[in-house]
């Protein structure tokens, strides 16, 4: 494996890659989420590279060693999909398979939705495809639904505040330790986060102070995240969340459109995301009719490509092998 910088249209992206020395190796992009980095895919990059694929995991816009443009408008879903199209071209390819986890999953789904000519297959981990069908800005709908149900605030709504990143930056190591702990499958259910917060409580306040690192997270690996987020901060990553209403306003042309590419979905049985994305998961075949498999990993939490690396690698390779190159 190697890490390098790649200049795309208006952006410098840092990527982790393997399989680059294999002639005609099919390209696979792996898109991370929050609060992750390209190195979150290290096990998959290595496994896919060894299997004959050119596996590339970028630090996404606003993260790690990749550029961090200023302003909310720079983080729309159109920007994020465009970054991946540009990266495919910069790598000298015209087609690839795209795989995303957490926030990377919506980006991957939209890559297949917007540019099926480039992305011949798509896999989403942890977050199902959520079609554009609400009649107004999604954060308004989220806030109304959770308050009506007496659940408090969903963290996504809280992240809309212009200064929401400051609480996360007060102690970067503690923030990351708590977030990885609260969404991990090995964490007892009564210590996992649901994503909902009582009025007046901050997200980090809902996670025990004695939160420990997940069993799969080595100290050295944890320090990779601490160093990256200490240097880059959380403002740009939270702009992905703050752009949700902007995304809704930009994508009226996608209303009711379905993904026609072959697809795979994998989720951990105990992933807290299922508390608020369960309906989309249940309806996935309606919007992704060529879904080849939907797999629930028993006892797994949110960070499945790291929690269950071997199982996820096997599922991804099975999906990739089954994809005809001409699709």
Protein backbone atom coordinates (compact mmCIF):
# COMPACT_ATOMS: atom_id res chain seq x y z
CA UNK A 1 0.00 0.00 0.00
CA UNK A 2 1.03 3.60 -0.47
CA UNK A 3 -0.24 7.07 0.33
CA UNK A 4 0.03 9.90 -2.20
CA UNK A 5 -1.51 13.21 -3.21
CA UNK A 6 -3.54 13.48 -6.42
CA UNK A 7 -4.54 16.78 -8.04
CA UNK A 8 -8.08 16.76 -9.35
CA UNK A 9 -10.25 19.64 -10.59
CA UNK A 10 -9.68 22.33 -8.00
CA UNK A 11 -8.86 19.88 -5.20
CA UNK A 12 -5.82 17.99 -3.92
CA UNK A 13 -6.86 14.61 -2.56
CA UNK A 14 -4.76 12.35 -0.36
CA UNK A 15 -5.36 8.67 -1.11
CA UNK A 16 -4.40 5.30 0.29
CA UNK A 17 -4.11 2.73 -2.48
CA UNK A 18 -3.05 -0.79 -3.35
CA UNK A 19 -3.11 -2.87 -6.52
CA UNK A 20 -1.77 0.05 -8.55
CA UNK A 21 1.02 -2.08 -10.05
CA UNK A 22 -1.39 -4.60 -11.58
CA UNK A 23 -2.11 -4.00 -15.27
CA UNK A 24 -5.79 -3.45 -16.10
CA UNK A 25 -6.83 -3.85 -12.46
CA UNK A 26 -10.49 -2.83 -12.06
CA UNK A 27 -10.77 0.38 -10.03
CA UNK A 28 -12.61 0.42 -6.70
CA UNK A 29 -13.12 3.62 -4.70
CA UNK A 30 -13.78 3.38 -0.96
CA UNK A 31 -15.42 6.43 0.64
CA UNK A 32 -15.22 6.99 4.39
CA UNK A 33 -17.65 8.76 6.70
CA UNK A 34 -17.58 10.71 9.97
CA UNK A 35 -15.30 10.86 11.89
CA UNK A 36 -13.14 8.69 9.66
CA UNK A 37 -10.32 8.86 7.12
CA UNK A 38 -9.05 6.93 4.14
CA UNK A 39 -7.10 4.71 6.57
CA UNK A 40 -10.43 3.48 7.96
CA UNK A 41 -10.41 1.24 4.86
CA UNK A 42 -6.88 -0.10 5.32
CA UNK A 43 -7.99 -3.73 5.67
CA UNK A 44 -10.19 -3.48 2.57
CA UNK A 45 -7.57 -1.68 0.48
CA UNK A 46 -5.08 -4.43 1.24
CA UNK A 47 -7.52 -7.29 0.64
CA UNK A 48 -8.84 -5.85 -2.64
CA UNK A 49 -5.33 -5.04 -3.83
CA UNK A 50 -4.22 -8.60 -3.17
CA UNK A 51 -7.27 -9.86 -5.07
CA UNK A 52 -6.27 -7.96 -8.22
CA UNK A 53 -8.22 -4.72 -7.86
CA UNK A 54 -6.86 -1.18 -7.81
CA UNK A 55 -8.31 -0.11 -4.46
CA UNK A 56 -8.25 3.60 -3.62
CA UNK A 57 -9.47 5.17 -0.38
CA UNK A 58 -9.29 8.98 -0.38
CA UNK A 59 -9.41 11.32 2.56
CA UNK A 60 -12.62 13.03 1.57
CA UNK A 61 -13.12 16.77 1.05
CA UNK A 62 -12.62 18.50 4.41
CA UNK A 63 -10.77 15.57 6.00
CA UNK A 64 -7.20 14.54 6.71
CA UNK A 65 -4.65 15.26 4.00
CA UNK A 66 -7.23 16.42 1.42
CA UNK A 67 -8.07 20.08 0.84
CA UNK A 68 -10.65 21.73 3.10
CA UNK A 69 -12.45 24.46 1.15
CA UNK A 70 -14.15 27.20 3.14
CA UNK A 71 -17.90 27.63 3.26
CA UNK A 72 -20.95 25.43 3.54
CA UNK A 73 -21.65 25.64 -0.20
CA UNK A 74 -18.44 23.72 -0.94
CA UNK A 75 -19.81 20.55 0.72
CA UNK A 76 -22.97 19.77 -1.23
CA UNK A 77 -23.62 16.25 -2.46
CA UNK A 78 -22.88 17.51 -5.98
CA UNK A 79 -19.40 18.57 -4.88
CA UNK A 80 -18.78 15.25 -3.18
CA UNK A 81 -19.91 13.17 -6.14
CA UNK A 82 -17.93 15.44 -8.44
CA UNK A 83 -14.79 14.79 -6.39
CA UNK A 84 -15.16 11.06 -7.00
CA UNK A 85 -15.79 11.51 -10.73
CA UNK A 86 -12.69 13.71 -10.90
CA UNK A 87 -10.67 11.14 -8.96
CA UNK A 88 -11.63 8.35 -11.36
CA UNK A 89 -10.45 10.50 -14.26
CA UNK A 90 -7.24 11.53 -12.47
CA UNK A 91 -6.47 7.85 -11.92
CA UNK A 92 -6.64 7.32 -15.67
CA UNK A 93 -9.92 5.37 -15.63
CA UNK A 94 -13.44 5.83 -16.97
CA UNK A 95 -15.32 3.20 -14.94
CA UNK A 96 -15.17 1.97 -11.36
CA UNK A 97 -17.08 0.43 -8.47
CA UNK A 98 -17.81 2.71 -5.53
CA UNK A 99 -18.16 1.63 -1.90
CA UNK A 100 -19.13 3.93 0.97
CA UNK A 101 -19.51 3.73 4.73
CA UNK A 102 -21.47 6.06 7.02
CA UNK A 103 -21.59 9.49 5.27
CA UNK A 104 -19.59 7.86 2.50
CA UNK A 105 -22.56 5.61 1.75
CA UNK A 106 -24.88 8.47 0.67
CA UNK A 107 -22.04 9.76 -1.50
CA UNK A 108 -21.58 6.31 -3.04
CA UNK A 109 -25.33 5.87 -3.61
CA UNK A 110 -25.47 9.28 -5.30
CA UNK A 111 -22.44 8.46 -7.44
CA UNK A 112 -24.43 5.55 -8.87
CA UNK A 113 -27.60 7.63 -9.09
CA UNK A 114 -26.03 10.63 -10.84
CA UNK A 115 -23.29 8.99 -12.94
CA UNK A 116 -24.21 5.38 -13.73
CA UNK A 117 -22.00 5.71 -16.80
CA UNK A 118 -18.95 5.97 -14.51
CA UNK A 119 -19.95 3.87 -11.50
CA UNK A 120 -20.80 0.35 -12.61
CA UNK A 121 -21.63 -0.97 -9.15
CA UNK A 122 -22.22 0.41 -5.66
CA UNK A 123 -22.01 -0.92 -2.12
CA UNK A 124 -23.32 0.95 0.91
CA UNK A 125 -22.21 0.07 4.43
CA UNK A 126 -24.27 1.08 7.49
CA UNK A 127 -26.41 3.74 5.77
CA UNK A 128 -29.07 2.74 3.21
CA UNK A 129 -30.01 4.83 0.21
CA UNK A 130 -32.51 7.52 1.23
CA UNK A 131 -34.35 8.92 -1.79
CA UNK A 132 -35.36 12.54 -2.18
CA UNK A 133 -39.05 12.56 -1.41
CA UNK A 134 -39.70 14.90 1.51
CA UNK A 135 -41.70 18.06 0.75
CA UNK A 136 -39.41 20.46 2.59
CA UNK A 137 -35.93 20.85 4.06
CA UNK A 138 -34.97 17.54 5.72
CA UNK A 139 -33.56 19.00 8.93
CA UNK A 140 -36.90 20.69 9.60
CA UNK A 141 -38.66 17.35 9.13
CA UNK A 142 -36.14 15.56 11.36
CA UNK A 143 -36.56 18.07 14.16
CA UNK A 144 -40.36 17.91 13.99
CA UNK A 145 -40.49 14.09 13.98
CA UNK A 146 -38.12 13.60 16.90
CA UNK A 147 -39.78 16.27 19.05
CA UNK A 148 -43.22 14.86 18.31
CA UNK A 149 -42.00 11.44 19.42
CA UNK A 150 -40.47 12.89 22.58
CA UNK A 151 -36.98 11.76 21.57
CA UNK A 152 -35.26 15.13 21.96
CA UNK A 153 -32.85 16.27 19.25
CA UNK A 154 -31.16 14.08 16.69
CA UNK A 155 -27.43 14.83 16.58
CA UNK A 156 -27.74 15.70 12.87
CA UNK A 157 -30.03 18.59 13.80
CA UNK A 158 -27.64 19.78 16.51
CA UNK A 159 -24.76 19.70 14.01
CA UNK A 160 -26.53 22.41 11.99
CA UNK A 161 -25.34 25.09 14.45
CA UNK A 162 -22.50 27.18 12.97
CA UNK A 163 -20.43 26.63 16.12
CA UNK A 164 -21.25 22.94 16.68
CA UNK A 165 -17.68 21.95 15.88
CA UNK A 166 -16.26 23.88 18.82
CA UNK A 167 -17.50 21.41 21.44
CA UNK A 168 -15.91 18.57 19.47
CA UNK A 169 -12.60 20.43 19.19
CA UNK A 170 -12.34 21.22 22.91
CA UNK A 171 -10.66 17.83 23.46
CA UNK A 172 -10.16 16.00 20.18
CA UNK A 173 -8.95 12.74 21.68
CA UNK A 174 -11.89 12.53 24.07
CA UNK A 175 -14.37 13.33 21.29
CA UNK A 176 -13.02 10.59 19.06
CA UNK A 177 -12.74 8.06 21.87
CA UNK A 178 -16.35 8.66 22.88
CA UNK A 179 -17.70 8.54 19.32
CA UNK A 180 -15.91 5.31 18.42
CA UNK A 181 -17.05 3.75 21.71
CA UNK A 182 -20.68 4.84 21.47
CA UNK A 183 -21.30 3.34 18.03
CA UNK A 184 -19.33 0.09 18.37
CA UNK A 185 -20.90 -3.36 18.47
CA UNK A 186 -18.75 -4.46 21.41
CA UNK A 187 -20.09 -1.63 23.57
CA UNK A 188 -22.95 -2.74 25.87
CA UNK A 189 -26.36 -1.62 24.60
CA UNK A 190 -26.98 0.69 27.55
CA UNK A 191 -23.76 2.58 26.76
CA UNK A 192 -24.26 2.93 23.02
CA UNK A 193 -25.57 6.17 21.60
CA UNK A 194 -28.98 6.28 19.93
CA UNK A 195 -28.13 9.58 18.24
CA UNK A 196 -30.88 11.37 20.17
CA UNK A 197 -30.21 13.92 22.93
CA UNK A 198 -32.44 15.34 25.66
CA UNK A 199 -32.98 19.09 25.49
CA UNK A 200 -30.01 20.88 27.02
CA UNK A 201 -27.65 17.90 26.75
CA UNK A 202 -24.75 17.82 24.30
CA UNK A 203 -23.91 14.73 22.25
CA UNK A 204 -20.71 14.02 24.18
CA UNK A 205 -22.61 14.37 27.47
CA UNK A 206 -24.74 11.37 26.51
CA UNK A 207 -21.65 9.12 26.25
CA UNK A 208 -19.97 7.86 29.46
CA UNK A 209 -16.76 9.64 30.41
CA UNK A 210 -15.06 6.27 30.95
CA UNK A 211 -15.69 5.26 27.34
CA UNK A 212 -12.92 2.99 26.07
CA UNK A 213 -11.59 2.40 22.58
CA UNK A 214 -13.21 -0.45 20.64
CA UNK A 215 -11.30 -3.75 20.77
CA UNK A 216 -10.29 -3.44 17.10
CA UNK A 217 -8.81 0.06 17.56
CA UNK A 218 -5.08 0.00 18.33
CA UNK A 219 -3.48 2.99 20.06
CA UNK A 220 -1.39 3.72 16.97
CA UNK A 221 -4.47 3.66 14.73
CA UNK A 222 -6.35 5.90 17.14
CA UNK A 223 -3.51 8.40 17.02
CA UNK A 224 -3.91 8.65 13.24
CA UNK A 225 -7.39 10.06 13.83
CA UNK A 226 -6.33 12.28 16.73
CA UNK A 227 -3.53 13.82 14.69
CA UNK A 228 -5.71 14.37 11.62
CA UNK A 229 -8.62 15.96 13.47
CA UNK A 230 -6.35 17.98 15.76
CA UNK A 231 -4.79 19.50 12.66
CA UNK A 232 -7.90 19.84 10.48
CA UNK A 233 -10.65 20.30 13.05
CA UNK A 234 -14.31 19.32 12.82
CA UNK A 235 -15.77 22.37 11.08
CA UNK A 236 -15.36 21.12 7.51
CA UNK A 237 -16.62 17.59 8.32
CA UNK A 238 -19.72 19.05 9.98
CA UNK A 239 -20.36 21.05 6.82
CA UNK A 240 -21.40 17.74 5.24
CA UNK A 241 -24.31 17.69 7.73
CA UNK A 242 -24.99 21.41 7.44
CA UNK A 243 -25.40 20.97 3.67
CA UNK A 244 -28.36 18.60 4.02
CA UNK A 245 -30.96 21.28 3.32
CA UNK A 246 -28.80 22.66 0.51
CA UNK A 247 -28.66 19.17 -0.99
CA UNK A 248 -32.45 18.99 -0.88
CA UNK A 249 -32.71 22.32 -2.72
CA UNK A 250 -30.21 21.23 -5.39
CA UNK A 251 -31.67 17.82 -6.17
CA UNK A 252 -35.27 18.34 -7.17
CA UNK A 253 -34.34 16.75 -10.49
CA UNK A 254 -33.66 13.48 -8.62
CA UNK A 255 -37.16 13.23 -7.14
CA UNK A 256 -38.35 9.60 -7.36
CA UNK A 257 -35.28 8.48 -9.33
CA UNK A 258 -34.05 4.95 -8.61
CA UNK A 259 -30.53 3.50 -8.66
CA UNK A 260 -30.23 0.98 -11.49
CA UNK A 261 -26.67 -0.22 -10.86
CA UNK A 262 -25.96 -3.61 -9.19
CA UNK A 263 -25.72 -2.95 -5.47
CA UNK A 264 -24.83 -4.43 -2.08
CA UNK A 265 -25.91 -3.26 1.38
CA UNK A 266 -24.28 -4.32 4.65
CA UNK A 267 -25.24 -3.14 8.13
CA UNK A 268 -24.39 -4.14 11.68
CA UNK A 269 -27.25 -5.64 13.67
CA UNK A 270 -26.62 -3.19 16.52
CA UNK A 271 -25.80 -0.13 14.44
CA UNK A 272 -27.46 2.90 16.12
CA UNK A 273 -28.08 4.38 12.66
CA UNK A 274 -30.89 1.84 12.32
CA UNK A 275 -32.86 3.83 14.94
CA UNK A 276 -33.49 6.57 12.38
CA UNK A 277 -32.76 4.93 9.02
CA UNK A 278 -34.72 1.72 9.54
CA UNK A 279 -37.53 2.71 7.18
CA UNK A 280 -35.06 3.40 4.36
CA UNK A 281 -33.37 0.06 5.01
CA UNK A 282 -36.71 -1.77 4.83
CA UNK A 283 -37.61 -0.04 1.54
CA UNK A 284 -34.21 -0.41 -0.07
CA UNK A 285 -35.25 -2.80 -2.84
CA UNK A 286 -37.92 -0.33 -3.95
CA UNK A 287 -35.31 2.32 -4.69
CA UNK A 288 -32.39 0.02 -5.56
CA UNK A 289 -34.08 -2.71 -7.63
CA UNK A 290 -30.78 -4.38 -8.58
CA UNK A 291 -29.76 -4.93 -4.96
CA UNK A 292 -27.91 -8.25 -5.05
CA UNK A 293 -27.75 -8.76 -1.27
CA UNK A 294 -28.70 -7.01 1.95
CA UNK A 295 -26.67 -8.41 4.82
CA UNK A 296 -27.06 -7.83 8.56
CA UNK A 297 -23.90 -8.70 10.50
CA UNK A 298 -25.04 -10.18 13.80
CA UNK A 299 -23.68 -8.43 16.89
CA UNK A 300 -21.85 -5.79 14.86
CA UNK A 301 -22.15 -2.04 15.38
CA UNK A 302 -21.48 0.91 13.14
CA UNK A 303 -17.78 0.65 12.26
CA UNK A 304 -18.28 -2.62 10.40
CA UNK A 305 -15.39 -2.48 7.93
CA UNK A 306 -13.06 -2.31 10.93
CA UNK A 307 -15.09 -4.30 13.46
CA UNK A 308 -15.64 -7.19 11.05
CA UNK A 309 -12.93 -6.68 8.47
CA UNK A 310 -12.72 -10.30 7.29
CA UNK A 311 -16.49 -10.66 6.86
CA UNK A 312 -16.82 -7.33 5.07
CA UNK A 313 -13.85 -8.14 2.82
CA UNK A 314 -15.45 -11.46 1.85
CA UNK A 315 -18.80 -9.79 1.08
CA UNK A 316 -17.16 -7.06 -1.01
CA UNK A 317 -15.08 -9.55 -2.98
CA UNK A 318 -18.13 -11.74 -3.61
CA UNK A 319 -19.99 -8.67 -4.91
CA UNK A 320 -17.09 -7.50 -7.08
CA UNK A 321 -16.48 -10.92 -8.61
CA UNK A 322 -20.16 -11.13 -9.56
CA UNK A 323 -20.09 -7.81 -11.44
CA UNK A 324 -19.68 -8.11 -15.21
CA UNK A 325 -17.08 -5.62 -16.44
CA UNK A 326 -19.43 -4.48 -19.18
CA UNK A 327 -22.17 -3.28 -16.84
